[in-house]
């Protein structure tokens, strides 16, 4: 059982301050996709995605445990695809982030080798099967074993930094 701030002697951290300070760290933006039981594309926008291990090849993302989109992804099965969005795909990011039933109505995609939606124009995509699921406060940590991966047709990744979207240009 986790220790409280009182038990550790540390002061309580204000959630708004926590979010503000960590907002100074830029994150890539991905859309995690799958197919629901009817075969329709489903997904969620995620800013907390990372590589975990080379051997075996593992990645992870951290969805809010109360997210309806995460619930739909969990119920769809164990396979998912992580789509690394390109700088020109802020509209895709926003479309998938909203609460609506047909998020992929205007988003072009093709099936991955595992059948998951690969969003056209993404910088890269990573097809996975869930390896582990961990509780982590108000989020889950989903560890996925990589089945297939490929560079996409996008060139520059979409980034999120201090509450706004942008891009990265290497020197």
N, C-alpha and C. Protein backbone atom coordinates (compact mmCIF):
# COMPACT_ATOMS: atom_id res chain seq x y z
N UNK A 1 0.85 -1.18 0.00
CA UNK A 1 0.00 0.00 0.00
C UNK A 1 0.90 1.24 0.00
N UNK A 2 0.61 2.22 -0.88
CA UNK A 2 1.45 3.42 -0.97
C UNK A 2 1.38 4.25 0.32
N UNK A 3 2.49 4.89 0.63
CA UNK A 3 2.54 5.79 1.78
C UNK A 3 1.93 7.13 1.43
N UNK A 4 1.27 7.75 2.38
CA UNK A 4 0.71 9.08 2.18
C UNK A 4 1.79 10.12 2.45
N UNK A 5 1.53 11.37 2.05
CA UNK A 5 2.48 12.45 2.31
C UNK A 5 2.73 12.57 3.81
N UNK A 6 1.70 12.39 4.62
CA UNK A 6 1.84 12.48 6.07
C UNK A 6 2.79 11.40 6.58
N UNK A 7 2.68 10.18 6.06
CA UNK A 7 3.52 9.07 6.51
C UNK A 7 4.98 9.25 6.09
N UNK A 8 5.24 9.87 4.96
CA UNK A 8 6.62 10.05 4.50
C UNK A 8 7.26 11.31 5.04
N UNK A 9 6.45 12.20 5.59
CA UNK A 9 6.97 13.47 6.07
C UNK A 9 7.09 14.52 4.97
N UNK A 10 6.76 14.15 3.76
CA UNK A 10 6.81 15.09 2.63
C UNK A 10 5.53 15.91 2.58
N UNK A 11 5.64 17.15 2.14
CA UNK A 11 4.42 17.95 2.02
C UNK A 11 3.54 17.41 0.89
N UNK A 12 2.24 17.61 1.01
CA UNK A 12 1.31 17.21 -0.05
C UNK A 12 1.60 18.03 -1.30
N UNK A 13 1.53 17.41 -2.45
CA UNK A 13 1.77 18.09 -3.72
C UNK A 13 0.42 18.46 -4.33
N UNK A 14 0.25 19.73 -4.61
CA UNK A 14 -0.97 20.21 -5.23
C UNK A 14 -1.06 19.67 -6.66
N UNK A 15 -2.17 19.00 -7.03
CA UNK A 15 -2.29 18.43 -8.38
C UNK A 15 -2.14 19.46 -9.50
N UNK A 16 -2.65 20.67 -9.32
CA UNK A 16 -2.51 21.70 -10.36
C UNK A 16 -1.05 22.09 -10.53
N UNK A 17 -0.34 22.21 -9.43
CA UNK A 17 1.10 22.55 -9.51
C UNK A 17 1.89 21.40 -10.15
N UNK A 18 1.56 20.18 -9.77
CA UNK A 18 2.19 19.00 -10.36
C UNK A 18 2.03 19.01 -11.87
N UNK A 19 0.82 19.23 -12.34
CA UNK A 19 0.54 19.27 -13.78
C UNK A 19 1.31 20.41 -14.46
N UNK A 20 1.33 21.58 -13.83
CA UNK A 20 2.01 22.74 -14.39
C UNK A 20 3.51 22.48 -14.53
N UNK A 21 4.14 22.00 -13.48
CA UNK A 21 5.59 21.78 -13.51
C UNK A 21 5.95 20.68 -14.52
N UNK A 22 5.20 19.57 -14.51
CA UNK A 22 5.52 18.50 -15.46
C UNK A 22 5.17 18.88 -16.90
N UNK A 23 4.35 19.91 -17.07
CA UNK A 23 4.05 20.41 -18.41
C UNK A 23 5.25 21.03 -19.09
N UNK A 24 6.32 21.27 -18.35
CA UNK A 24 7.55 21.81 -18.93
C UNK A 24 8.36 20.74 -19.66
N UNK A 25 7.94 19.50 -19.52
CA UNK A 25 8.59 18.40 -20.21
C UNK A 25 7.78 18.07 -21.46
N UNK A 26 8.34 18.25 -22.65
CA UNK A 26 7.56 17.97 -23.86
C UNK A 26 7.34 16.47 -24.04
N UNK A 27 6.19 16.11 -24.56
CA UNK A 27 5.88 14.71 -24.83
C UNK A 27 5.45 14.56 -26.27
N UNK A 28 5.72 13.39 -26.81
CA UNK A 28 5.18 13.04 -28.11
C UNK A 28 3.70 12.73 -27.96
N UNK A 29 2.99 12.74 -29.05
CA UNK A 29 1.56 12.47 -29.02
C UNK A 29 1.29 11.23 -29.87
N UNK A 30 0.62 10.25 -29.26
CA UNK A 30 0.26 9.03 -29.97
C UNK A 30 -1.24 8.81 -29.86
N UNK A 31 -1.74 8.02 -30.80
CA UNK A 31 -3.12 7.54 -30.71
C UNK A 31 -3.03 6.02 -30.64
N UNK A 32 -3.57 5.46 -29.57
CA UNK A 32 -3.63 4.02 -29.40
C UNK A 32 -4.94 3.55 -30.00
N UNK A 33 -4.86 2.58 -30.93
CA UNK A 33 -6.04 2.13 -31.66
C UNK A 33 -6.26 0.63 -31.51
N UNK A 34 -7.49 0.24 -31.79
CA UNK A 34 -7.87 -1.17 -31.85
C UNK A 34 -9.19 -1.21 -32.62
N UNK A 35 -9.73 -2.40 -32.77
CA UNK A 35 -11.06 -2.57 -33.34
C UNK A 35 -11.98 -3.09 -32.25
N UNK A 36 -13.19 -2.53 -32.18
CA UNK A 36 -14.13 -3.06 -31.19
C UNK A 36 -14.71 -4.38 -31.72
N UNK A 37 -15.56 -4.98 -30.95
CA UNK A 37 -16.09 -6.30 -31.31
C UNK A 37 -16.90 -6.28 -32.60
N UNK A 38 -17.41 -5.11 -33.00
CA UNK A 38 -18.16 -4.99 -34.26
C UNK A 38 -17.24 -4.72 -35.45
N UNK A 39 -15.94 -4.49 -35.19
CA UNK A 39 -14.99 -4.20 -36.25
C UNK A 39 -14.78 -2.72 -36.52
N UNK A 40 -15.36 -1.86 -35.69
CA UNK A 40 -15.19 -0.41 -35.85
C UNK A 40 -13.90 0.03 -35.17
N UNK A 41 -13.24 1.03 -35.76
CA UNK A 41 -12.02 1.60 -35.19
C UNK A 41 -12.34 2.36 -33.91
N UNK A 42 -11.54 2.13 -32.88
CA UNK A 42 -11.65 2.86 -31.62
C UNK A 42 -10.25 3.29 -31.21
N UNK A 43 -10.17 4.28 -30.32
CA UNK A 43 -8.85 4.70 -29.88
C UNK A 43 -8.89 5.82 -28.88
N UNK A 44 -7.69 6.17 -28.44
CA UNK A 44 -7.54 7.28 -27.51
C UNK A 44 -6.22 7.99 -27.76
N UNK A 45 -6.22 9.30 -27.52
CA UNK A 45 -5.01 10.11 -27.61
C UNK A 45 -4.24 9.97 -26.30
N UNK A 46 -2.92 9.76 -26.41
CA UNK A 46 -2.09 9.53 -25.23
C UNK A 46 -0.80 10.34 -25.36
N UNK A 47 -0.41 10.99 -24.28
CA UNK A 47 0.86 11.70 -24.24
C UNK A 47 1.89 10.99 -23.40
N UNK A 48 1.48 9.94 -22.71
CA UNK A 48 2.41 9.21 -21.85
C UNK A 48 2.69 7.84 -22.47
N UNK A 49 3.65 7.83 -23.38
CA UNK A 49 4.05 6.61 -24.09
C UNK A 49 5.57 6.52 -24.03
N UNK A 50 6.10 5.31 -23.88
CA UNK A 50 7.54 5.14 -23.79
C UNK A 50 7.97 3.75 -24.22
N UNK A 51 9.22 3.65 -24.65
CA UNK A 51 9.81 2.33 -24.85
C UNK A 51 10.19 1.80 -23.46
N UNK A 52 10.16 0.48 -23.30
CA UNK A 52 10.45 -0.14 -22.02
C UNK A 52 11.65 -1.06 -22.11
N UNK A 53 11.70 -1.92 -23.13
CA UNK A 53 12.73 -2.94 -23.20
C UNK A 53 13.01 -3.30 -24.65
N UNK A 54 14.29 -3.60 -24.93
CA UNK A 54 14.67 -4.09 -26.26
C UNK A 54 14.53 -5.61 -26.35
N UNK A 55 14.78 -6.32 -25.23
CA UNK A 55 14.73 -7.77 -25.26
C UNK A 55 14.04 -8.28 -24.00
N UNK A 56 12.75 -8.59 -24.07
CA UNK A 56 11.91 -8.58 -25.27
C UNK A 56 11.50 -7.16 -25.62
N UNK A 57 11.05 -6.94 -26.86
CA UNK A 57 10.63 -5.59 -27.24
C UNK A 57 9.31 -5.22 -26.57
N UNK A 58 9.38 -4.22 -25.68
CA UNK A 58 8.21 -3.79 -24.92
C UNK A 58 8.07 -2.27 -24.98
N UNK A 59 6.83 -1.80 -25.00
CA UNK A 59 6.50 -0.38 -24.89
C UNK A 59 5.43 -0.25 -23.82
N UNK A 60 5.14 0.99 -23.41
CA UNK A 60 4.10 1.21 -22.40
C UNK A 60 3.39 2.52 -22.66
N UNK A 61 2.12 2.57 -22.26
CA UNK A 61 1.38 3.82 -22.22
C UNK A 61 0.56 3.84 -20.94
N UNK A 62 0.16 5.04 -20.51
CA UNK A 62 -0.46 5.20 -19.21
C UNK A 62 -1.83 5.89 -19.32
N UNK A 63 -2.88 5.13 -19.53
CA UNK A 63 -4.21 5.73 -19.64
C UNK A 63 -4.83 6.01 -18.27
N UNK A 64 -5.67 7.03 -18.21
CA UNK A 64 -6.46 7.33 -17.02
C UNK A 64 -7.40 6.14 -16.80
N UNK A 65 -7.39 5.59 -15.61
CA UNK A 65 -8.17 4.38 -15.36
C UNK A 65 -9.68 4.61 -15.49
N UNK A 66 -10.15 5.86 -15.43
CA UNK A 66 -11.58 6.16 -15.56
C UNK A 66 -11.98 6.58 -16.97
N UNK A 67 -11.07 6.53 -17.90
CA UNK A 67 -11.35 6.94 -19.27
C UNK A 67 -12.28 5.95 -19.97
N UNK A 68 -13.33 6.47 -20.59
CA UNK A 68 -14.23 5.63 -21.37
C UNK A 68 -13.54 5.04 -22.59
N UNK A 69 -12.64 5.80 -23.19
CA UNK A 69 -11.89 5.29 -24.34
C UNK A 69 -10.98 4.14 -23.92
N UNK A 70 -10.35 4.26 -22.77
CA UNK A 70 -9.51 3.18 -22.27
C UNK A 70 -10.36 1.95 -21.97
N UNK A 71 -11.53 2.16 -21.40
CA UNK A 71 -12.43 1.03 -21.12
C UNK A 71 -12.79 0.30 -22.42
N UNK A 72 -13.09 1.06 -23.48
CA UNK A 72 -13.42 0.44 -24.77
C UNK A 72 -12.24 -0.33 -25.34
N UNK A 73 -11.03 0.24 -25.23
CA UNK A 73 -9.84 -0.46 -25.70
C UNK A 73 -9.62 -1.76 -24.93
N UNK A 74 -9.76 -1.71 -23.61
CA UNK A 74 -9.59 -2.91 -22.78
C UNK A 74 -10.58 -3.99 -23.17
N UNK A 75 -11.83 -3.58 -23.40
CA UNK A 75 -12.88 -4.54 -23.72
C UNK A 75 -12.75 -5.10 -25.13
N UNK A 76 -11.95 -4.45 -25.98
CA UNK A 76 -11.82 -4.91 -27.37
C UNK A 76 -10.90 -6.13 -27.48
N UNK A 77 -10.11 -6.38 -26.48
CA UNK A 77 -9.17 -7.50 -26.51
C UNK A 77 -7.79 -7.04 -26.09
N UNK A 78 -6.80 -7.87 -26.33
CA UNK A 78 -5.45 -7.58 -25.85
C UNK A 78 -4.55 -6.92 -26.86
N UNK A 79 -4.98 -6.79 -28.11
CA UNK A 79 -4.13 -6.22 -29.15
C UNK A 79 -4.45 -4.74 -29.35
N UNK A 80 -3.39 -3.97 -29.63
CA UNK A 80 -3.55 -2.54 -29.89
C UNK A 80 -2.41 -2.07 -30.76
N UNK A 81 -2.58 -0.89 -31.34
CA UNK A 81 -1.53 -0.28 -32.17
C UNK A 81 -1.29 1.14 -31.69
N UNK A 82 -0.03 1.49 -31.52
CA UNK A 82 0.36 2.84 -31.13
C UNK A 82 0.76 3.58 -32.40
N UNK A 83 0.07 4.67 -32.70
CA UNK A 83 0.34 5.51 -33.87
C UNK A 83 1.01 6.79 -33.40
N UNK A 84 2.25 7.02 -33.81
CA UNK A 84 2.99 8.23 -33.45
C UNK A 84 2.56 9.31 -34.44
N UNK A 85 1.84 10.31 -33.95
CA UNK A 85 1.28 11.33 -34.84
C UNK A 85 2.36 12.26 -35.39
N UNK A 86 2.11 12.73 -36.61
CA UNK A 86 3.02 13.69 -37.24
C UNK A 86 2.57 15.11 -36.91
N UNK A 87 3.46 16.06 -37.14
CA UNK A 87 3.19 17.47 -36.82
C UNK A 87 1.93 17.99 -37.48
N UNK A 88 1.56 17.46 -38.63
CA UNK A 88 0.36 17.90 -39.33
C UNK A 88 -0.91 17.20 -38.89
N UNK A 89 -0.85 16.42 -37.82
CA UNK A 89 -2.02 15.64 -37.40
C UNK A 89 -2.65 16.10 -36.09
N UNK A 90 -2.52 17.38 -35.79
CA UNK A 90 -3.19 17.89 -34.59
C UNK A 90 -4.69 17.67 -34.67
N UNK A 91 -5.26 17.77 -35.88
CA UNK A 91 -6.70 17.53 -36.04
C UNK A 91 -7.07 16.09 -35.68
N UNK A 92 -6.21 15.13 -36.03
CA UNK A 92 -6.44 13.73 -35.67
C UNK A 92 -6.37 13.58 -34.15
N UNK A 93 -5.37 14.19 -33.54
CA UNK A 93 -5.21 14.16 -32.09
C UNK A 93 -6.48 14.66 -31.41
N UNK A 94 -6.96 15.79 -31.84
CA UNK A 94 -8.15 16.40 -31.22
C UNK A 94 -9.42 15.57 -31.49
N UNK A 95 -9.55 15.02 -32.71
CA UNK A 95 -10.73 14.23 -33.05
C UNK A 95 -10.83 12.98 -32.18
N UNK A 96 -9.68 12.34 -31.93
CA UNK A 96 -9.69 11.12 -31.13
C UNK A 96 -9.80 11.44 -29.63
N UNK A 97 -9.38 12.62 -29.23
CA UNK A 97 -9.40 13.00 -27.81
C UNK A 97 -10.81 13.33 -27.30
N UNK A 98 -11.73 13.67 -28.19
CA UNK A 98 -13.07 14.06 -27.74
C UNK A 98 -13.92 12.85 -27.41
N UNK A 99 -14.94 13.10 -26.62
CA UNK A 99 -15.87 12.03 -26.24
C UNK A 99 -16.98 11.96 -27.27
N UNK A 100 -16.84 11.03 -28.17
CA UNK A 100 -17.90 10.76 -29.14
C UNK A 100 -17.74 9.32 -29.59
N UNK A 101 -18.76 8.80 -30.22
CA UNK A 101 -18.74 7.38 -30.56
C UNK A 101 -17.96 7.08 -31.84
N UNK A 102 -18.05 7.91 -32.86
CA UNK A 102 -17.37 7.63 -34.12
C UNK A 102 -16.21 8.58 -34.33
N UNK A 103 -15.15 8.41 -33.56
CA UNK A 103 -13.99 9.29 -33.62
C UNK A 103 -13.25 9.18 -34.94
N UNK A 104 -13.37 8.06 -35.63
CA UNK A 104 -12.58 7.80 -36.83
C UNK A 104 -13.35 8.06 -38.12
N UNK A 105 -14.48 8.76 -38.03
CA UNK A 105 -15.31 9.03 -39.20
C UNK A 105 -14.53 9.70 -40.33
N UNK A 106 -13.71 10.69 -40.02
CA UNK A 106 -12.96 11.42 -41.04
C UNK A 106 -11.46 11.12 -41.02
N UNK A 107 -11.06 10.04 -40.37
CA UNK A 107 -9.64 9.69 -40.27
C UNK A 107 -9.37 8.48 -41.16
N UNK A 108 -8.41 8.66 -42.08
CA UNK A 108 -8.06 7.55 -42.97
C UNK A 108 -7.08 6.61 -42.27
N UNK A 109 -7.35 5.33 -42.37
CA UNK A 109 -6.49 4.33 -41.76
C UNK A 109 -6.54 3.04 -42.57
N UNK A 110 -5.55 2.20 -42.29
CA UNK A 110 -5.47 0.88 -42.93
C UNK A 110 -5.17 -0.13 -41.82
N UNK A 111 -5.45 -1.41 -42.04
CA UNK A 111 -5.18 -2.39 -40.98
C UNK A 111 -3.70 -2.74 -40.87
N UNK A 112 -3.24 -2.90 -39.64
CA UNK A 112 -1.89 -3.39 -39.36
C UNK A 112 -1.88 -4.90 -39.62
N UNK A 113 -0.71 -5.54 -39.55
CA UNK A 113 -0.68 -7.00 -39.68
C UNK A 113 -1.58 -7.71 -38.66
N UNK A 114 -1.76 -7.11 -37.48
CA UNK A 114 -2.64 -7.70 -36.46
C UNK A 114 -4.09 -7.24 -36.61
N UNK A 115 -4.36 -6.39 -37.62
CA UNK A 115 -5.72 -5.93 -37.88
C UNK A 115 -6.10 -4.63 -37.21
N UNK A 116 -5.20 -4.02 -36.44
CA UNK A 116 -5.50 -2.76 -35.76
C UNK A 116 -5.37 -1.58 -36.71
N UNK A 117 -6.08 -0.48 -36.45
CA UNK A 117 -5.97 0.70 -37.30
C UNK A 117 -4.59 1.36 -37.25
N UNK A 118 -3.99 1.53 -38.42
CA UNK A 118 -2.78 2.33 -38.60
C UNK A 118 -3.23 3.62 -39.27
N UNK A 119 -3.02 4.74 -38.62
CA UNK A 119 -3.49 6.03 -39.13
C UNK A 119 -2.56 6.52 -40.23
N UNK A 120 -3.15 6.79 -41.40
CA UNK A 120 -2.36 7.32 -42.52
C UNK A 120 -1.70 8.63 -42.12
N UNK A 121 -0.43 8.80 -42.48
CA UNK A 121 0.29 10.02 -42.18
C UNK A 121 1.05 10.00 -40.87
N UNK A 122 0.91 8.92 -40.08
CA UNK A 122 1.64 8.83 -38.81
C UNK A 122 3.13 8.69 -39.08
N UNK A 123 3.95 9.13 -38.14
CA UNK A 123 5.40 9.04 -38.24
C UNK A 123 5.85 7.58 -38.13
N UNK A 124 5.18 6.81 -37.27
CA UNK A 124 5.50 5.41 -37.05
C UNK A 124 4.29 4.74 -36.43
N UNK A 125 4.27 3.41 -36.48
CA UNK A 125 3.24 2.65 -35.78
C UNK A 125 3.86 1.40 -35.18
N UNK A 126 3.28 0.98 -34.03
CA UNK A 126 3.79 -0.15 -33.27
C UNK A 126 2.59 -1.03 -32.89
N UNK A 127 2.53 -2.23 -33.46
CA UNK A 127 1.47 -3.20 -33.18
C UNK A 127 1.87 -4.01 -31.94
N UNK A 128 0.96 -4.16 -30.99
CA UNK A 128 1.31 -4.79 -29.71
C UNK A 128 0.21 -5.73 -29.22
N UNK A 129 0.60 -6.57 -28.28
CA UNK A 129 -0.34 -7.35 -27.48
C UNK A 129 -0.02 -7.01 -26.02
N UNK A 130 -1.05 -6.87 -25.20
CA UNK A 130 -0.85 -6.51 -23.80
C UNK A 130 -0.07 -7.61 -23.09
N UNK A 131 1.03 -7.21 -22.49
CA UNK A 131 1.90 -8.12 -21.74
C UNK A 131 1.58 -8.04 -20.25
N UNK A 132 1.39 -6.80 -19.74
CA UNK A 132 1.11 -6.59 -18.32
C UNK A 132 0.24 -5.35 -18.17
N UNK A 133 -0.53 -5.32 -17.10
CA UNK A 133 -1.34 -4.16 -16.74
C UNK A 133 -1.11 -3.92 -15.25
N UNK A 134 -0.68 -2.69 -14.91
CA UNK A 134 -0.39 -2.34 -13.52
C UNK A 134 -1.26 -1.17 -13.09
N UNK A 135 -1.68 -1.18 -11.83
CA UNK A 135 -2.34 -0.03 -11.24
C UNK A 135 -1.28 0.97 -10.85
N UNK A 136 -1.54 2.26 -11.11
CA UNK A 136 -0.60 3.32 -10.75
C UNK A 136 -1.39 4.57 -10.41
N UNK A 137 -1.87 4.66 -9.18
CA UNK A 137 -2.65 5.82 -8.78
C UNK A 137 -3.94 5.90 -9.59
N UNK A 138 -4.19 7.05 -10.21
CA UNK A 138 -5.41 7.22 -11.00
C UNK A 138 -5.23 6.77 -12.46
N UNK A 139 -4.12 6.12 -12.74
CA UNK A 139 -3.84 5.62 -14.09
C UNK A 139 -3.51 4.12 -14.05
N UNK A 140 -3.46 3.53 -15.22
CA UNK A 140 -2.91 2.18 -15.39
C UNK A 140 -1.60 2.33 -16.16
N UNK A 141 -0.72 1.38 -16.01
CA UNK A 141 0.46 1.25 -16.85
C UNK A 141 0.23 0.02 -17.71
N UNK A 142 0.10 0.22 -19.01
CA UNK A 142 -0.13 -0.87 -19.94
C UNK A 142 1.19 -1.17 -20.64
N UNK A 143 1.72 -2.36 -20.42
CA UNK A 143 2.95 -2.78 -21.07
C UNK A 143 2.56 -3.68 -22.24
N UNK A 144 3.03 -3.30 -23.43
CA UNK A 144 2.71 -4.08 -24.62
C UNK A 144 3.93 -4.73 -25.22
N UNK A 145 3.79 -5.99 -25.61
CA UNK A 145 4.86 -6.68 -26.34
C UNK A 145 4.70 -6.32 -27.81
N UNK A 146 5.77 -5.85 -28.41
CA UNK A 146 5.74 -5.40 -29.81
C UNK A 146 5.69 -6.62 -30.73
N UNK A 147 4.69 -6.63 -31.62
CA UNK A 147 4.54 -7.70 -32.61
C UNK A 147 5.07 -7.27 -33.98
N UNK A 148 4.76 -6.03 -34.36
CA UNK A 148 5.16 -5.46 -35.65
C UNK A 148 5.38 -3.98 -35.42
N UNK A 149 6.27 -3.37 -36.20
CA UNK A 149 6.45 -1.93 -36.14
C UNK A 149 7.03 -1.45 -37.47
N UNK A 150 6.76 -0.19 -37.76
CA UNK A 150 7.16 0.34 -39.06
C UNK A 150 7.20 1.86 -39.00
N UNK A 151 8.15 2.45 -39.75
CA UNK A 151 8.09 3.89 -39.95
C UNK A 151 6.84 4.16 -40.80
N UNK A 152 6.24 5.32 -40.57
CA UNK A 152 5.07 5.70 -41.35
C UNK A 152 5.45 6.66 -42.45
N UNK A 153 4.43 7.35 -42.96
CA UNK A 153 4.68 8.29 -44.05
C UNK A 153 4.87 9.72 -43.55
N UNK A 154 4.62 9.98 -42.27
CA UNK A 154 4.88 11.30 -41.70
C UNK A 154 6.35 11.46 -41.40
N UNK A 155 6.81 12.72 -41.33
CA UNK A 155 8.24 12.97 -41.12
C UNK A 155 8.58 13.55 -39.76
N UNK A 156 7.81 14.50 -39.28
CA UNK A 156 8.13 15.21 -38.05
C UNK A 156 7.04 14.91 -37.01
N UNK A 157 7.41 14.55 -35.77
CA UNK A 157 6.40 14.19 -34.78
C UNK A 157 5.66 15.41 -34.21
N UNK A 158 4.43 15.16 -33.80
CA UNK A 158 3.63 16.14 -33.07
C UNK A 158 4.05 16.08 -31.61
N UNK A 159 4.29 17.25 -31.01
CA UNK A 159 4.67 17.33 -29.60
C UNK A 159 3.64 18.12 -28.82
N UNK A 160 3.56 17.85 -27.51
CA UNK A 160 2.71 18.61 -26.60
C UNK A 160 3.62 19.18 -25.53
N UNK A 161 3.54 20.52 -25.33
CA UNK A 161 4.41 21.19 -24.38
C UNK A 161 3.70 22.39 -23.80
N UNK A 162 3.63 22.47 -22.49
CA UNK A 162 3.01 23.58 -21.77
C UNK A 162 1.61 23.91 -22.30
N UNK A 163 0.82 22.87 -22.51
CA UNK A 163 -0.58 23.05 -22.88
C UNK A 163 -0.83 23.35 -24.34
N UNK A 164 0.18 23.24 -25.18
CA UNK A 164 -0.02 23.54 -26.59
C UNK A 164 0.71 22.51 -27.47
N UNK A 165 0.30 22.43 -28.72
CA UNK A 165 0.92 21.50 -29.66
C UNK A 165 1.98 22.21 -30.48
N UNK A 166 2.99 21.45 -30.88
CA UNK A 166 4.06 22.01 -31.69
C UNK A 166 4.80 20.89 -32.38
N UNK A 167 6.03 21.19 -32.79
CA UNK A 167 6.81 20.21 -33.52
C UNK A 167 8.28 20.34 -33.13
N UNK A 168 9.09 19.51 -33.70
CA UNK A 168 10.51 19.48 -33.42
C UNK A 168 11.24 19.50 -34.73
N UNK A 169 12.24 20.35 -34.84
CA UNK A 169 13.07 20.41 -36.04
C UNK A 169 14.51 20.13 -35.63
N UNK A 170 15.07 18.98 -36.05
CA UNK A 170 16.45 18.67 -35.66
C UNK A 170 17.43 19.64 -36.30
N UNK A 171 18.57 19.85 -35.64
CA UNK A 171 19.61 20.74 -36.18
C UNK A 171 20.37 20.03 -37.26
